[in-house]
Protein backbone atom coordinates (compact mmCIF):
# COMPACT_ATOMS: atom_id res chain seq x y z
CA MET A 1 28.49 57.68 39.56
CA LYS A 2 25.04 58.97 39.66
CA ILE A 3 23.90 60.50 42.68
CA ILE A 4 20.50 61.38 44.16
CA THR A 5 20.24 64.56 46.20
CA LEU A 6 18.46 64.47 49.65
CA ILE A 7 17.20 67.48 50.72
CA CYS A 8 16.31 68.16 54.01
CA GLY A 9 15.05 70.87 56.50
CA ILE A 10 12.85 72.79 58.46
CA ALA A 11 11.73 74.83 55.97
CA LEU A 12 10.38 71.89 54.48
CA LEU A 13 7.25 70.81 56.41
CA SER A 14 6.72 67.78 54.07
CA GLY A 15 9.63 65.97 55.01
CA CYS A 16 11.97 65.61 52.43
CA THR A 17 12.39 66.03 48.68
CA ILE A 18 13.86 63.94 46.49
CA ILE A 19 15.76 65.46 43.42
CA SER A 20 15.81 62.66 40.99
CA PRO A 21 19.26 62.68 38.80
CA LYS A 22 18.88 64.81 35.06
CA THR A 23 17.11 61.89 32.94
CA GLU A 24 17.26 64.21 29.86
CA ILE A 25 21.00 65.25 28.23
CA ASN A 26 20.83 67.63 25.38
CA GLY A 27 24.50 68.20 24.86
CA PRO A 28 28.38 67.67 25.77
CA TYR A 29 28.74 68.73 29.26
CA THR A 30 30.13 72.25 29.83
CA LYS A 31 30.56 74.66 31.99
CA PRO A 32 28.71 78.59 31.40
CA ASN A 33 30.59 80.36 28.79
CA LYS A 34 33.94 78.01 28.89
CA ALA A 35 32.86 76.21 25.72
CA PRO A 36 30.37 78.82 23.93
CA GLU A 37 31.49 77.17 20.23
CA ILE A 38 30.09 74.07 21.52
CA GLU A 39 27.53 75.61 23.63
CA ALA A 40 25.91 77.16 20.33
CA LEU A 41 25.21 74.26 18.13
CA ASN A 42 22.37 71.77 18.67
CA TRP A 43 23.35 68.22 19.50
CA GLN A 44 22.12 64.65 19.23
CA LEU A 45 23.19 61.50 21.48
CA VAL A 46 24.87 59.04 19.25
CA GLU A 47 22.99 55.98 21.13
CA SER A 48 24.76 53.25 19.77
CA LEU A 49 28.70 54.74 21.03
CA SER A 50 27.01 55.92 24.42
CA ASP A 51 26.06 54.34 27.38
CA GLU A 52 25.33 55.82 30.98
CA PHE A 53 26.11 52.13 32.69
CA ASN A 54 22.91 52.58 35.28
CA ASP A 55 21.80 48.87 34.56
CA ASN A 56 24.30 46.70 36.20
CA HIS A 57 25.44 44.58 32.52
CA ILE A 58 27.92 45.25 30.35
CA ASP A 59 25.94 46.28 26.99
CA LEU A 60 27.38 43.61 24.37
CA THR A 61 25.53 45.39 21.59
CA LYS A 62 28.22 48.07 22.08
CA TRP A 63 31.09 46.98 23.83
CA GLN A 64 33.74 44.44 22.97
CA LEU A 65 35.65 43.13 26.22
CA GLN A 66 37.37 40.52 24.31
CA PRO A 67 41.35 41.19 23.36
CA ARG A 68 41.25 39.91 20.17
CA ALA A 69 38.59 39.97 17.89
CA ASN A 70 36.70 41.69 15.38
CA GLY A 71 39.78 42.81 13.56
CA TRP A 72 41.29 43.72 16.84
CA VAL A 73 44.40 41.11 18.21
CA TRP A 74 46.29 43.76 20.82
CA ILE A 75 46.21 42.00 24.40
CA GLY A 76 48.66 44.21 26.62
CA ARG A 77 52.35 45.33 26.70
CA PRO A 78 53.85 43.31 28.71
CA PRO A 79 53.65 42.86 31.73
CA GLY A 80 50.04 44.03 31.38
CA LEU A 81 47.26 41.17 30.29
CA PHE A 82 44.16 41.91 29.13
CA LYS A 83 40.88 39.98 30.24
CA ALA A 84 37.49 40.50 29.36
CA GLU A 85 37.07 39.37 33.18
CA ASN A 86 38.32 42.58 34.72
CA VAL A 87 35.42 44.58 33.75
CA THR A 88 32.35 44.74 35.25
CA GLU A 89 29.06 47.17 35.67
CA ALA A 90 28.10 48.25 39.24
CA GLU A 91 26.66 50.88 40.73
CA GLY A 92 26.10 53.50 37.96
CA ASN A 93 29.56 53.00 36.66
CA LEU A 94 31.58 50.63 34.03
CA ASN A 95 34.94 49.27 35.98
CA VAL A 96 37.72 47.74 35.10
CA GLU A 97 39.79 46.07 38.15
CA VAL A 98 43.64 45.59 38.03
CA SER A 99 45.40 43.01 39.98
CA VAL A 100 48.53 40.48 40.31
CA LEU A 101 47.96 37.34 37.83
CA PRO A 102 47.36 34.03 39.74
CA ASN A 103 50.03 32.63 38.28
CA LYS A 104 52.49 34.29 35.35
CA LYS A 105 51.79 33.79 32.13
CA THR A 106 53.65 33.55 28.81
CA ILE A 107 52.48 33.52 25.42
CA GLU A 108 53.76 34.40 22.49
CA ASN A 109 57.13 34.05 24.23
CA LYS A 110 56.31 38.08 26.52
CA GLU A 111 55.82 37.61 29.96
CA PHE A 112 52.52 38.52 31.67
CA LEU A 113 52.84 39.70 35.58
CA TYR A 114 49.48 42.44 36.39
CA GLN A 115 45.75 42.23 34.72
CA GLY A 116 43.84 44.77 33.03
CA ALA A 117 42.01 45.25 30.30
CA ILE A 118 40.60 46.50 27.39
CA VAL A 119 36.65 47.83 26.45
CA ARG A 120 36.31 48.58 22.76
CA SER A 121 32.95 50.31 20.51
CA LEU A 122 31.53 47.52 18.14
CA GLU A 123 31.11 50.43 15.88
CA ALA A 124 33.41 53.38 14.82
CA GLY A 125 32.46 57.46 15.58
CA GLN A 126 32.63 60.00 12.72
CA PRO A 127 34.87 62.85 12.01
CA GLY A 128 32.73 66.60 13.66
CA TRP A 129 31.46 64.28 16.48
CA TYR A 130 31.77 65.10 20.59
CA TYR A 131 33.64 62.55 22.24
CA GLU A 132 33.13 62.22 26.29
CA THR A 133 33.36 60.48 29.47
CA ARG A 134 33.43 60.86 33.01
CA MET A 135 36.04 58.65 34.72
CA LYS A 136 38.09 58.17 37.96
CA ALA A 137 41.55 56.95 37.42
CA ASN A 138 42.90 53.65 39.41
CA ALA A 139 45.51 54.89 41.96
CA THR A 140 48.82 52.36 40.50
CA GLU A 141 51.43 52.50 38.39
CA MET A 142 48.69 50.95 35.44
CA SER A 143 47.42 53.83 33.29
CA SER A 144 43.16 54.89 33.32
CA THR A 145 42.25 56.33 28.80
CA PHE A 146 40.01 57.32 26.81
CA TRP A 147 40.77 57.26 22.70
CA LEU A 148 39.87 56.25 19.58
CA MET A 149 42.14 54.24 17.32
CA THR A 150 40.92 53.47 13.00
CA LYS A 151 41.22 50.48 12.54
CA GLY A 152 42.94 47.42 10.06
CA ASN A 153 46.84 48.27 8.18
CA THR A 154 45.15 51.13 5.91
CA VAL A 155 47.56 53.52 4.63
CA LYS A 156 45.93 56.25 7.82
CA LYS A 157 46.28 54.12 11.24
CA LEU A 158 46.02 57.23 13.00
CA GLU A 159 44.97 57.26 16.92
CA LEU A 160 43.80 60.16 18.76
CA ASP A 161 44.07 59.58 22.99
CA ILE A 162 41.79 62.32 24.33
CA GLN A 163 43.33 61.07 27.71
CA GLU A 164 45.90 59.19 29.23
CA CYS A 165 47.61 58.92 32.61
CA VAL A 166 48.83 56.81 35.74
CA GLY A 167 47.62 56.72 38.71
CA LYS A 168 51.23 56.22 40.55
CA ARG A 169 54.70 57.14 38.64
CA SER A 170 57.35 54.88 39.54
CA ASP A 171 60.27 55.63 41.33
CA ASN A 172 61.78 54.31 38.18
CA ALA A 173 59.35 56.06 35.84
CA ALA A 174 61.11 58.51 33.25
CA ASP A 175 62.22 61.37 33.81
CA TRP A 176 59.45 62.86 31.50
CA SER A 177 56.35 61.60 32.79
CA LYS A 178 56.75 63.65 35.97
CA GLY A 179 52.82 64.79 36.81
CA TRP A 180 51.40 62.11 34.58
CA ASP A 181 49.54 61.21 37.95
CA GLN A 182 47.93 64.74 37.92
CA ILE A 183 47.39 65.91 34.28
CA PHE A 184 45.31 65.42 31.31
CA HIS A 185 46.91 64.35 28.50
CA SER A 186 45.86 63.64 25.03
CA ASN A 187 48.02 63.21 21.74
CA SER A 188 47.46 62.63 18.25
CA ILE A 189 49.86 59.94 16.74
CA HIS A 190 49.89 58.86 12.98
CA ARG A 191 50.90 55.23 13.78
CA THR A 192 53.88 53.36 11.97
CA ASN A 193 53.00 50.56 8.94
CA GLN A 194 53.72 49.39 6.01
CA TYR A 195 52.43 52.55 4.51
CA ASN A 196 53.78 55.32 7.28
CA PRO A 197 57.85 54.07 8.10
CA ASP A 198 57.81 57.80 10.75
CA HIS A 199 56.25 57.70 13.53
CA ILE A 200 54.95 61.27 13.63
CA GLN A 201 53.13 62.44 17.72
CA ILE A 202 51.32 65.80 18.55
CA GLU A 203 50.83 66.37 21.84
CA ASP A 204 49.32 68.94 24.27
CA SER A 205 48.27 68.91 28.26
CA VAL A 206 47.07 70.48 31.48
CA THR A 207 47.48 69.82 34.75
CA THR A 208 44.54 68.98 36.87
CA LYS A 209 43.75 70.28 40.02
CA THR A 210 43.83 66.92 41.82
CA LYS A 211 45.66 63.75 41.04
CA ASN A 212 43.47 61.98 38.68
CA HIS A 213 42.71 59.08 40.84
CA GLU A 214 40.94 61.42 43.61
CA ARG A 215 37.56 62.54 41.87
CA TYR A 216 36.10 62.04 38.35
CA TYR A 217 36.67 64.29 35.69
CA VAL A 218 34.95 64.66 32.09
CA TYR A 219 37.79 64.39 29.58
CA ALA A 220 36.18 65.27 26.09
CA ALA A 221 37.89 65.92 22.62
CA TRP A 222 35.58 67.72 19.22
CA TRP A 223 36.98 66.32 16.13
CA LYS A 224 35.61 69.06 14.73
CA SER A 225 37.14 68.44 11.23
CA GLU A 226 40.38 66.64 9.56
CA THR A 227 41.93 68.55 10.81
CA GLU A 228 41.70 70.21 13.97
CA VAL A 229 40.96 68.29 17.23
CA ARG A 230 39.27 70.40 20.14
CA PHE A 231 39.87 69.47 23.85
CA TYR A 232 37.74 69.64 26.83
CA LEU A 233 38.14 69.35 30.75
CA ASP A 234 35.39 69.57 33.38
CA GLY A 235 33.66 70.89 30.21
CA GLU A 236 36.50 74.17 29.78
CA TYR A 237 38.16 74.51 26.16
CA VAL A 238 41.87 73.60 27.49
CA TYR A 239 43.54 73.76 24.05
CA SER A 240 43.69 72.21 20.34
CA ILE A 241 45.40 70.11 18.09
CA THR A 242 46.18 69.31 14.39
CA PRO A 243 46.84 65.91 13.22
CA PRO A 244 49.47 65.55 11.78
CA ILE A 245 47.80 63.81 8.37
CA GLY A 246 44.00 64.60 7.40
CA TRP A 247 41.55 62.51 10.25
CA ASP A 248 38.82 61.24 7.66
CA VAL A 249 38.84 57.69 8.80
CA PRO A 250 36.00 56.72 11.03
CA ALA A 251 38.01 55.67 14.96
CA PHE A 252 36.98 52.92 17.63
CA ILE A 253 36.90 54.50 21.41
CA HIS A 254 38.94 52.18 23.35
CA MET A 255 39.68 52.53 27.15
CA ALA A 256 42.53 50.72 27.86
CA ILE A 257 43.70 49.89 31.52
CA GLU A 258 47.66 48.80 30.98
CA THR A 259 51.07 49.14 31.40
CA TYR A 260 53.74 50.96 30.78
CA ASP A 261 57.58 50.08 30.11
CA TRP A 262 58.87 54.18 30.74
CA ASN A 263 56.60 53.37 34.23
CA PRO A 264 57.13 50.33 35.06
CA VAL A 265 55.99 48.66 37.78
CA PRO A 266 57.68 47.71 41.42
CA GLN A 267 59.48 44.40 41.74
CA GLY A 268 56.46 42.64 43.97
CA GLY A 269 54.00 44.79 42.27
CA GLY A 270 54.02 47.89 43.61
CA MET A 271 50.21 49.02 44.78
CA ILE A 272 48.57 46.51 42.08
CA LYS A 273 49.24 44.22 44.82
CA THR A 274 49.14 46.30 47.98
CA GLY A 275 46.21 48.99 46.75
CA ASN A 276 42.49 47.81 47.78
CA LYS A 277 40.09 47.63 45.11
CA GLU A 278 38.54 51.04 45.05
CA GLN A 279 43.00 51.89 44.79
CA ARG A 280 42.85 49.74 42.48
CA THR A 281 39.78 50.45 39.54
CA THR A 282 39.08 52.53 36.79
CA SER A 283 35.54 54.00 36.67
CA TYR A 284 33.75 55.46 33.49
CA ASP A 285 30.68 57.12 35.06
CA TRP A 286 29.43 57.58 31.46
CA VAL A 287 30.72 57.70 28.04
CA ARG A 288 28.34 60.04 25.69
CA VAL A 289 28.83 60.52 22.11
CA TRP A 290 27.30 63.52 19.93
CA GLN A 291 26.55 64.13 16.75
CA ILE A 292 25.54 67.70 15.35
CA LYS A 293 21.52 67.41 14.12
CA PRO A 294 21.35 68.19 11.00
CA GLU A 295 19.34 71.96 9.43
CA ALA A 296 15.98 71.26 9.13
CA ASN A 297 15.15 71.78 5.45
């Protein structure tokens, strides 16, 4: 959320001084000396993939809210259904609110009880670019995510999960998912399709200072090359992943709030039903994508 700081004190004889938010951003968010390889480069913002979410309406020239459109067909993993009306922009955030569906829905023989949403970029990102978001997760059994995906049934069907977490672990969650409500977790996946029968996944993670839903974190990845992706948490380098196959295919940003079979929603709805609006909302303060400035001739 964009904050205006008010400083008052005895020494300020004129009363209070208003310090406005920084209006010019020259590069990715970094902590001094914690990401020197990023600070050493000259970056320029990719406007078509970046948004500060400050104007109280969703920019539909950048973002797709409908689950099925423009070649995308996924409507959510049962029992969680993606619905565009759950996405709003207000108070400097893109917000995705989850809840119990008013009525159970059956679509293509699949039963849906809960609702979230998926937001996709209309333009694709490229190798060499830096992708970051400042996000506060919801506090429910559903996810909060920020990731990239190639489009179409191509030989290289690739997914890069920059951040993937849940707000609350279910009592029946898979044993391996311990800590998934307090985590910076990333995947590089070569997905199964007609050209690739084998699902190949490489992942890494670190523990965050608090539960993901307790505060905003900046989650980021530098898709440095087709063989290296570097990941950053709150402006500090934490780990790298080598994709399972050379990744030179453009990919689209995804922000999906979904259900997982490995973290099943408790009977009755759990926090999806009992949480207040803030607890049921994933908030994205901003999304920024950067490319290295071309050298002047």
